[in-house]
Protein backbone atom coordinates (compact mmCIF):
# COMPACT_ATOMS: atom_id res chain seq x y z
CA MET A 1 -133.36 94.15 105.39
CA ALA A 2 -133.19 91.17 107.68
CA ARG A 3 -129.61 90.48 106.58
CA ARG A 4 -128.38 93.83 107.93
CA ASP A 5 -129.60 92.97 111.43
CA VAL A 6 -127.93 89.58 111.30
CA PHE A 7 -124.46 90.87 110.67
CA ALA A 8 -124.95 93.68 113.14
CA ASN A 9 -125.52 91.00 115.74
CA ILE A 10 -122.49 89.04 114.64
CA THR A 11 -120.22 92.04 115.05
CA THR A 12 -121.60 93.23 118.40
CA PRO A 13 -121.47 91.68 121.89
CA GLN A 14 -124.09 89.02 122.53
CA GLY A 15 -125.70 91.08 125.27
CA ASP A 16 -126.56 93.80 122.72
CA ILE A 17 -128.44 91.46 120.37
CA GLN A 18 -131.86 92.87 119.55
CA GLU A 19 -134.91 90.93 118.51
CA ARG A 20 -135.02 90.33 114.77
CA LYS A 21 -138.10 90.69 112.64
CA ALA A 22 -138.28 89.11 109.20
CA LYS A 23 -139.54 91.24 106.39
CA PRO A 24 -141.57 89.86 103.49
CA THR A 25 -139.60 89.27 100.33
CA TYR A 26 -142.53 88.82 98.01
CA ALA A 27 -144.30 91.78 96.41
CA ALA A 28 -148.02 92.06 96.94
CA LYS A 29 -148.87 92.27 93.25
CA GLY A 30 -147.67 90.36 90.22
CA ALA A 31 -145.22 87.54 89.68
CA SER A 32 -142.85 89.75 87.66
CA ARG A 33 -142.72 92.41 90.35
CA SER A 34 -142.08 89.73 92.94
CA MET A 35 -139.26 88.24 90.91
CA ILE A 36 -137.55 91.59 90.34
CA SER A 37 -137.87 92.48 94.03
CA SER A 38 -136.42 89.13 95.10
CA LEU A 39 -133.47 89.38 92.72
CA ASN A 40 -132.66 92.90 93.89
CA GLU A 41 -132.85 91.79 97.51
CA LEU A 42 -130.56 88.81 96.95
CA ALA A 43 -127.98 91.01 95.24
CA GLU A 44 -128.09 93.42 98.17
CA LYS A 45 -127.68 90.59 100.68
CA ALA A 46 -124.58 89.25 98.93
CA ALA A 47 -123.09 92.74 98.81
CA LEU A 48 -123.80 93.29 102.51
CA ALA A 49 -122.12 90.00 103.36
CA ASP A 50 -118.95 90.96 101.50
CA GLN A 51 -118.90 94.47 102.96
CA THR A 52 -119.38 93.23 106.51
CA LEU A 53 -116.73 90.54 106.36
CA SER A 54 -114.28 92.66 104.37
CA GLY A 55 -113.72 94.88 107.39
CA GLU A 56 -112.99 91.99 109.71
CA LEU A 57 -109.75 90.20 110.47
CA VAL A 58 -109.26 87.46 107.92
CA VAL A 59 -107.17 84.46 108.92
CA GLU A 60 -106.05 81.35 107.10
CA LEU A 61 -107.26 78.06 108.54
CA ASP A 62 -106.38 74.47 107.80
CA THR A 63 -109.45 72.79 106.28
CA ALA A 64 -108.73 69.75 108.46
CA ASP A 65 -109.74 71.87 111.46
CA LEU A 66 -113.18 72.69 110.05
CA ASP A 67 -116.51 70.98 110.62
CA SER A 68 -119.71 71.54 108.67
CA SER A 69 -122.67 73.46 110.04
CA PHE A 70 -124.90 71.52 112.41
CA VAL A 71 -127.81 71.92 109.96
CA SER A 72 -127.64 71.30 106.22
CA ASP A 73 -129.33 73.60 103.74
CA ARG A 74 -128.32 71.91 100.49
CA MET A 75 -129.57 68.64 99.04
CA SER A 76 -126.79 67.97 96.53
CA GLU A 77 -123.80 69.64 94.94
CA ASP A 78 -124.03 71.23 91.50
CA ASP A 79 -121.00 69.56 89.91
CA VAL A 80 -120.68 72.06 87.05
CA ALA A 81 -120.93 75.12 89.31
CA TYR A 82 -118.53 73.58 91.82
CA THR A 83 -115.96 72.81 89.11
CA GLU A 84 -116.15 76.43 87.95
CA LEU A 85 -115.62 77.61 91.55
CA VAL A 86 -112.55 75.40 91.96
CA GLU A 87 -111.03 76.70 88.73
CA ALA A 88 -111.74 80.32 89.71
CA ILE A 89 -110.02 79.86 93.09
CA ARG A 90 -107.13 78.04 91.43
CA GLU A 91 -106.58 80.93 89.02
CA ARG A 92 -107.08 84.02 91.18
CA GLY A 93 -107.36 82.77 94.73
CA GLN A 94 -110.26 82.94 97.18
CA ASP A 95 -111.95 86.31 96.72
CA SER A 96 -114.37 86.18 99.66
CA PRO A 97 -113.64 84.74 103.11
CA ILE A 98 -115.94 82.20 104.69
CA LEU A 99 -117.49 82.69 108.13
CA VAL A 100 -116.71 80.23 110.92
CA ARG A 101 -117.18 80.14 114.66
CA PRO A 102 -115.22 78.34 117.36
CA HIS A 103 -116.68 74.86 117.63
CA PRO A 104 -119.17 74.88 120.53
CA SER A 105 -118.08 71.48 121.83
CA ASP A 106 -114.65 70.71 120.38
CA ASP A 107 -111.75 72.95 121.43
CA GLY A 108 -109.33 73.87 118.69
CA ARG A 109 -111.81 73.27 115.90
CA TYR A 110 -114.14 75.55 113.96
CA GLN A 111 -117.67 75.16 112.64
CA ILE A 112 -118.53 76.61 109.24
CA VAL A 113 -121.40 79.09 109.31
CA PHE A 114 -121.34 79.69 105.57
CA GLY A 115 -118.86 79.07 102.78
CA HIS A 116 -118.95 75.25 102.70
CA ARG A 117 -118.25 75.15 98.96
CA ARG A 118 -115.28 77.52 99.24
CA ALA A 119 -113.90 75.43 102.11
CA ARG A 120 -114.33 72.25 100.08
CA ALA A 121 -112.61 73.85 97.08
CA ALA A 122 -109.66 74.92 99.25
CA LYS A 123 -109.38 71.38 100.59
CA ASP A 124 -109.47 69.88 97.09
CA LEU A 125 -106.78 72.35 95.99
CA GLY A 126 -104.64 71.55 99.01
CA ARG A 127 -104.81 75.13 100.28
CA LYS A 128 -105.74 76.82 103.50
CA VAL A 129 -109.06 78.64 103.51
CA ARG A 130 -109.43 82.36 104.21
CA ALA A 131 -111.96 82.87 106.99
CA VAL A 132 -113.43 85.31 109.48
CA VAL A 133 -113.83 83.79 112.94
CA LYS A 134 -116.80 85.00 115.01
CA ASP A 135 -118.14 83.68 118.29
CA ILE A 136 -121.88 83.66 117.56
CA SER A 137 -124.93 81.90 118.96
CA ASP A 138 -126.72 78.99 117.34
CA ALA A 139 -129.61 81.25 116.36
CA ASP A 140 -127.31 83.79 114.69
CA HIS A 141 -125.50 80.88 113.05
CA VAL A 142 -128.59 79.53 111.26
CA ILE A 143 -129.84 82.99 110.32
CA ALA A 144 -126.51 84.02 108.78
CA GLN A 145 -126.14 80.64 107.07
CA GLY A 146 -129.63 80.71 105.59
CA GLN A 147 -129.48 84.26 104.31
CA GLU A 148 -125.98 84.05 102.86
CA ASN A 149 -126.69 80.78 101.07
CA SER A 150 -130.04 82.03 99.78
CA ALA A 151 -128.26 85.07 98.35
CA ARG A 152 -125.32 83.25 96.80
CA GLN A 153 -126.48 79.78 95.83
CA ASN A 154 -130.06 80.29 94.65
CA LEU A 155 -131.40 77.36 96.65
CA SER A 156 -134.49 75.76 95.13
CA PHE A 157 -137.91 75.84 96.75
CA ILE A 158 -137.66 72.29 98.08
CA GLU A 159 -134.15 72.89 99.48
CA ARG A 160 -135.35 75.97 101.34
CA SER A 161 -138.44 74.12 102.54
CA MET A 162 -136.47 71.16 103.90
CA PHE A 163 -133.98 73.57 105.54
CA ALA A 164 -136.93 75.29 107.24
CA GLN A 165 -138.22 71.91 108.41
CA ARG A 166 -134.81 70.97 109.87
CA LEU A 167 -134.67 74.23 111.79
CA LEU A 168 -138.22 73.67 113.08
CA ASP A 169 -137.29 70.12 114.16
CA LEU A 170 -134.27 71.54 116.01
CA GLY A 171 -136.61 73.72 118.04
CA TYR A 172 -136.18 77.13 116.40
CA ASP A 173 -139.25 79.34 116.43
CA LYS A 174 -140.89 80.55 113.23
CA PRO A 175 -139.67 84.17 113.46
CA THR A 176 -136.08 82.90 113.55
CA ILE A 177 -136.72 80.61 110.58
CA GLN A 178 -138.31 83.50 108.68
CA SER A 179 -135.19 85.57 109.29
CA ALA A 180 -132.94 82.73 108.17
CA LEU A 181 -134.81 82.36 104.89
CA ALA A 182 -135.80 86.02 104.51
CA VAL A 183 -139.44 85.11 103.92
CA ASP A 184 -142.71 86.28 105.41
CA ALA A 185 -145.07 84.17 107.53
CA PRO A 186 -147.41 83.06 104.68
CA MET A 187 -144.47 81.86 102.57
CA LEU A 188 -142.98 79.95 105.50
CA THR A 189 -146.37 78.31 106.04
CA ARG A 190 -146.36 77.14 102.41
CA MET A 191 -142.82 75.81 102.75
CA LEU A 192 -143.63 73.87 105.90
CA SER A 193 -146.85 72.54 104.35
CA VAL A 194 -144.65 70.87 101.73
CA SER A 195 -141.79 69.74 103.98
CA GLY A 196 -144.28 68.44 106.54
CA ARG A 197 -146.00 66.18 104.00
CA VAL A 198 -143.23 65.13 101.63
CA PRO A 199 -141.06 62.53 103.42
CA ALA A 200 -137.48 63.71 103.77
CA ALA A 201 -136.24 60.49 102.15
CA VAL A 202 -138.41 61.12 99.08
CA ALA A 203 -137.27 64.74 98.77
CA ALA A 204 -133.64 63.67 99.10
CA ARG A 205 -134.03 61.08 96.33
CA ILE A 206 -135.61 63.62 94.00
CA GLY A 207 -132.92 66.19 94.77
CA PRO A 208 -132.95 70.00 94.52
CA ALA A 209 -135.14 70.12 91.37
CA LYS A 210 -134.00 73.66 90.59
CA SER A 211 -136.70 74.43 88.00
CA ILE A 212 -139.62 73.05 90.02
CA GLY A 213 -141.43 75.88 91.78
CA ARG A 214 -143.64 76.31 94.80
CA ASP A 215 -147.04 75.52 93.25
CA ARG A 216 -145.97 72.20 91.75
CA TRP A 217 -144.38 71.09 95.02
CA ILE A 218 -147.56 72.01 96.90
CA ASP A 219 -149.56 69.87 94.46
CA PHE A 220 -147.07 67.00 94.85
CA ALA A 221 -147.28 67.25 98.65
CA GLN A 222 -151.07 67.12 98.61
CA ARG A 223 -151.13 64.08 96.33
CA ILE A 224 -148.47 62.06 98.15
CA GLU A 225 -150.58 62.19 101.32
CA LYS A 226 -152.80 59.55 99.71
CA PRO A 227 -151.46 56.14 100.89
CA SER A 228 -151.73 54.49 97.45
CA THR A 229 -149.84 57.39 95.84
CA ALA A 230 -147.15 57.28 98.53
CA ALA A 231 -146.72 53.54 97.92
CA LEU A 232 -146.43 54.14 94.16
CA VAL A 233 -143.80 56.84 94.65
CA ASN A 234 -141.72 54.66 96.95
CA LYS A 235 -141.84 51.90 94.34
CA LEU A 236 -140.81 54.26 91.54
CA LEU A 237 -137.84 55.54 93.56
CA ASP A 238 -136.23 52.09 93.28
CA GLU A 239 -136.66 51.76 89.52
CA ASP A 240 -133.50 51.82 87.39
CA LYS A 241 -134.98 54.51 85.14
CA PHE A 242 -135.44 56.89 88.07
CA ALA A 243 -131.78 56.60 89.08
CA THR A 244 -130.58 57.58 85.59
CA LEU A 245 -132.52 60.87 85.51
CA GLU A 246 -131.43 64.36 86.54
CA SER A 247 -133.20 65.93 89.51
CA ASP A 248 -135.80 67.93 87.55
CA ALA A 249 -136.55 64.93 85.35
CA ARG A 250 -137.01 62.74 88.43
CA PHE A 251 -139.77 65.03 89.66
CA GLU A 252 -141.41 65.06 86.21
CA PHE A 253 -141.17 61.26 86.00
CA LEU A 254 -142.95 60.81 89.32
CA ILE A 255 -145.70 63.27 88.35
CA ALA A 256 -146.26 61.51 85.02
CA GLU A 257 -146.55 58.10 86.70
CA MET A 258 -148.87 59.50 89.37
CA ASN A 259 -151.10 60.91 86.62
CA LYS A 260 -151.21 57.53 84.86
CA ALA A 261 -152.19 55.82 88.09
CA ASP A 262 -155.00 58.32 88.66
CA ARG A 263 -156.66 57.73 85.29
CA PRO A 264 -158.24 54.31 86.03
CA SER A 265 -159.80 55.66 89.23
CA LYS A 266 -161.46 58.41 87.22
CA GLN A 267 -162.80 55.82 84.75
CA ALA A 268 -163.88 53.27 87.28
CA LYS A 269 -167.24 52.73 85.62
CA ASN A 270 -167.97 49.19 84.38
CA THR A 271 -167.85 49.18 80.59
CA SER A 272 -169.22 46.47 78.30
CA GLY A 273 -170.52 46.23 74.77
CA TRP A 274 -172.92 44.52 72.39
CA LEU A 275 -172.80 43.87 68.65
CA ALA A 276 -175.85 42.92 66.60
CA SER A 277 -175.72 39.53 64.88
CA ASP A 278 -175.54 41.24 61.50
CA ALA A 279 -172.93 43.73 62.84
CA SER A 280 -175.14 46.64 61.81
CA VAL A 281 -175.39 48.13 65.30
CA ARG A 282 -172.86 48.33 68.12
CA ALA A 283 -173.67 49.45 71.66
CA GLU A 284 -171.46 50.42 74.59
CA PHE A 285 -172.79 50.22 78.14
CA LYS A 286 -171.39 52.05 81.15
CA GLY A 287 -172.76 51.50 84.61
CA SER A 288 -171.75 52.83 88.02
CA GLY A 289 -173.97 52.97 91.10
CA LYS A 290 -177.35 54.40 90.16
CA SER A 291 -176.27 55.50 86.70
CA TYR A 292 -176.33 53.45 83.47
CA SER A 293 -175.82 54.69 79.94
CA ILE A 294 -176.08 53.19 76.47
CA ALA A 295 -174.20 54.57 73.46
CA LEU A 296 -175.23 53.33 70.01
CA LYS A 297 -172.78 53.23 67.11
CA SER A 298 -174.12 52.76 63.56
CA ASP A 299 -175.62 54.57 60.61
CA GLN A 300 -179.01 53.69 62.06
CA ALA A 301 -178.09 54.71 65.63
CA ALA A 302 -180.60 57.57 65.83
CA LYS A 303 -183.43 55.51 64.33
CA PHE A 304 -182.71 52.50 66.57
CA GLY A 305 -182.42 54.78 69.58
CA ARG A 306 -185.87 56.26 68.92
CA PHE A 307 -187.26 52.72 68.63
CA ILE A 308 -185.88 51.86 72.06
CA THR A 309 -187.26 55.09 73.48
CA ASP A 310 -190.74 54.41 72.06
CA ASN A 311 -190.73 50.95 73.62
CA LEU A 312 -189.32 51.80 77.04
CA GLU A 313 -192.67 51.24 78.80
CA ARG A 314 -193.05 47.76 77.29
CA LEU A 315 -189.43 46.91 78.03
CA HIS A 316 -189.82 48.11 81.61
CA GLN A 317 -192.94 45.92 82.11
CA GLU A 318 -191.02 42.93 80.75
CA PHE A 319 -188.20 43.75 83.19
CA LEU A 320 -190.64 43.84 86.12
CA SER A 321 -192.20 40.54 85.08
CA SER A 322 -188.82 38.85 84.77
CA THR A 323 -187.78 40.20 88.17
CA LYS A 324 -190.93 38.80 89.82
CA THR A 325 -190.32 35.45 88.16
CA GLU A 326 -186.75 35.31 89.47
CA GLU A 327 -187.86 36.25 92.98
CA GLY A 328 -190.67 33.66 92.94
């Protein structure tokens, strides 16, 4: 497991750090097998985190001395889950310590590697936070942060994708990002294909969209590349209705409006009609480019259609004569 290597690095001197290699987390066959494998792996990661930190010296720190990680991996806070966490810590205390490191540029302060929610809960409760302090590199920081949060917080696909994009923008190589997210190269490519095309501002406005999976985000990313679609989305983001929706519903709202906007372009043919003076026959005409069709609507539609067919040669000659007259 990639997580095992990460904590081995954290607990050994920096000079002994070995190159990490991410291992694929997705099974080769079947969505169900993949899901079961991923859930088992996440459970193991969380257990490894607790086991590793449980053997370390735990200290109590003032939350005023803590700063957040230099890279964010969450798009918004789950208010219900956070409230439950606060109540749990209020009742039985903080079960698991957070991991911090000495701040790289501010003496006397600490930077949170993982455990932001526990630190926030301690602050809201007016308590000190239980923490393990480790002097680790930036690379180890992002790897430990990504893997611990993936295991504990079930980050959505878009949250993980935007986290990967932030790490890439900070200059981390893809193997390091793979280790941080515990994904293989093909999955990271899919994540970056979304984060690279969906503007960060748009993703932030939509939010974590917990129930929206990889395939739907890939489709959204492909469609928003079209300038007219991007303009529509930016307009919809400012609508009052959008602001009142939950994150998942915001995504669904944008997709629904994008689908509506696409319909006219698929029916761009010019449509007109004709009604006989006695209203016995109605015709609909559709023309686009080199194609033109006539649809007859009446009880006599078949009979009238055969009449037109039988007289096409005469009608065509009349058309040619009228065209010559207009040109002359």
